[in-house]
């Protein structure tokens, strides 16, 4: 079976899936409160701007790059 890997834009709404990837790779997930402060309440971040990039394989998130 061939892998179908793509890179897409990440948004704060991808929280749940990104936290699953962090956990599955032995990294500490962020609390919802920390996530909202970091991405949604940050006065230096432009509203609607992507927070990074998602790496997807077969339509599942396998990696995340912060911006």
C-alpha atoms as a PDB file:
ATOM      1  CA  UNK A   1       0.000   0.000   0.000  1.00  0.00           C
ATOM      2  CA  UNK A   2       1.493   3.336  -1.067  1.00  0.00           C
ATOM      3  CA  UNK A   3       1.527   6.236   1.371  1.00  0.00           C
ATOM      4  CA  UNK A   4      -0.206   9.408   0.343  1.00  0.00           C
ATOM      5  CA  UNK A   5       1.725  12.101   2.227  1.00  0.00           C
ATOM      6  CA  UNK A   6       0.780  15.752   1.988  1.00  0.00           C
ATOM      7  CA  UNK A   7       1.563  18.959   3.848  1.00  0.00           C
ATOM      8  CA  UNK A   8      -1.372  21.237   4.669  1.00  0.00           C
ATOM      9  CA  UNK A   9      -1.897  24.379   6.715  1.00  0.00           C
ATOM     10  CA  UNK A  10      -2.595  23.951  10.442  1.00  0.00           C
ATOM     11  CA  UNK A  11      -5.092  26.053  12.373  1.00  0.00           C
ATOM     12  CA  UNK A  12      -5.876  26.297  16.071  1.00  0.00           C
ATOM     13  CA  UNK A  13      -9.017  24.261  15.385  1.00  0.00           C
ATOM     14  CA  UNK A  14      -6.751  21.230  14.737  1.00  0.00           C
ATOM     15  CA  UNK A  15      -6.057  21.085  18.499  1.00  0.00           C
ATOM     16  CA  UNK A  16      -7.396  17.588  19.238  1.00  0.00           C
ATOM     17  CA  UNK A  17      -5.585  15.833  16.394  1.00  0.00           C
ATOM     18  CA  UNK A  18      -2.304  17.667  17.052  1.00  0.00           C
ATOM     19  CA  UNK A  19      -2.417  16.717  20.744  1.00  0.00           C
ATOM     20  CA  UNK A  20      -2.911  13.057  19.769  1.00  0.00           C
ATOM     21  CA  UNK A  21       0.198  13.208  17.568  1.00  0.00           C
ATOM     22  CA  UNK A  22       2.227  14.822  20.363  1.00  0.00           C
ATOM     23  CA  UNK A  23       1.128  12.152  22.851  1.00  0.00           C
ATOM     24  CA  UNK A  24       1.759   9.252  20.482  1.00  0.00           C
ATOM     25  CA  UNK A  25       5.331  10.501  19.978  1.00  0.00           C
ATOM     26  CA  UNK A  26       6.115  10.774  23.687  1.00  0.00           C
ATOM     27  CA  UNK A  27       5.701  14.555  23.843  1.00  0.00           C
ATOM     28  CA  UNK A  28       3.671  16.357  26.465  1.00  0.00           C
ATOM     29  CA  UNK A  29       0.401  17.645  25.025  1.00  0.00           C
ATOM     30  CA  UNK A  30      -0.672  21.219  25.730  1.00  0.00           C
ATOM     31  CA  UNK A  31      -3.713  21.977  27.840  1.00  0.00           C
ATOM     32  CA  UNK A  32      -6.641  23.558  26.027  1.00  0.00           C
ATOM     33  CA  UNK A  33      -6.104  26.743  28.078  1.00  0.00           C
ATOM     34  CA  UNK A  34      -2.429  26.997  27.070  1.00  0.00           C
ATOM     35  CA  UNK A  35      -3.322  26.323  23.431  1.00  0.00           C
ATOM     36  CA  UNK A  36      -5.919  29.102  23.389  1.00  0.00           C
ATOM     37  CA  UNK A  37      -3.519  31.616  24.956  1.00  0.00           C
ATOM     38  CA  UNK A  38      -0.747  30.613  22.557  1.00  0.00           C
ATOM     39  CA  UNK A  39      -2.789  30.729  19.360  1.00  0.00           C
ATOM     40  CA  UNK A  40      -6.179  32.372  19.875  1.00  0.00           C
ATOM     41  CA  UNK A  41      -5.464  35.101  22.436  1.00  0.00           C
ATOM     42  CA  UNK A  42      -1.988  36.085  21.273  1.00  0.00           C
ATOM     43  CA  UNK A  43      -2.181  39.789  20.314  1.00  0.00           C
ATOM     44  CA  UNK A  44       0.779  39.421  17.936  1.00  0.00           C
ATOM     45  CA  UNK A  45      -0.872  36.694  15.862  1.00  0.00           C
ATOM     46  CA  UNK A  46      -3.085  37.773  12.995  1.00  0.00           C
ATOM     47  CA  UNK A  47      -6.594  36.304  13.178  1.00  0.00           C
ATOM     48  CA  UNK A  48      -7.166  33.509  10.692  1.00  0.00           C
ATOM     49  CA  UNK A  49      -3.450  33.029  10.054  1.00  0.00           C
ATOM     50  CA  UNK A  50      -2.266  29.401  10.031  1.00  0.00           C
ATOM     51  CA  UNK A  51      -0.320  28.260  13.106  1.00  0.00           C
ATOM     52  CA  UNK A  52       1.954  25.978  11.120  1.00  0.00           C
ATOM     53  CA  UNK A  53       1.775  22.946   8.879  1.00  0.00           C
ATOM     54  CA  UNK A  54       0.339  19.457   9.250  1.00  0.00           C
ATOM     55  CA  UNK A  55       2.002  16.439   7.743  1.00  0.00           C
ATOM     56  CA  UNK A  56      -0.663  13.941   6.750  1.00  0.00           C
ATOM     57  CA  UNK A  57      -0.299  10.372   5.593  1.00  0.00           C
ATOM     58  CA  UNK A  58      -3.371   8.609   4.244  1.00  0.00           C
ATOM     59  CA  UNK A  59      -5.475  11.534   5.539  1.00  0.00           C
ATOM     60  CA  UNK A  60      -4.239  11.203   9.158  1.00  0.00           C
ATOM     61  CA  UNK A  61      -1.974  13.736  10.882  1.00  0.00           C
ATOM     62  CA  UNK A  62       1.474  12.214  11.406  1.00  0.00           C
ATOM     63  CA  UNK A  63       3.429  15.388  12.161  1.00  0.00           C
ATOM     64  CA  UNK A  64       3.135  19.065  12.990  1.00  0.00           C
ATOM     65  CA  UNK A  65       5.485  21.988  12.329  1.00  0.00           C
ATOM     66  CA  UNK A  66       4.900  25.146  14.392  1.00  0.00           C
ATOM     67  CA  UNK A  67       5.199  28.523  12.713  1.00  0.00           C
END
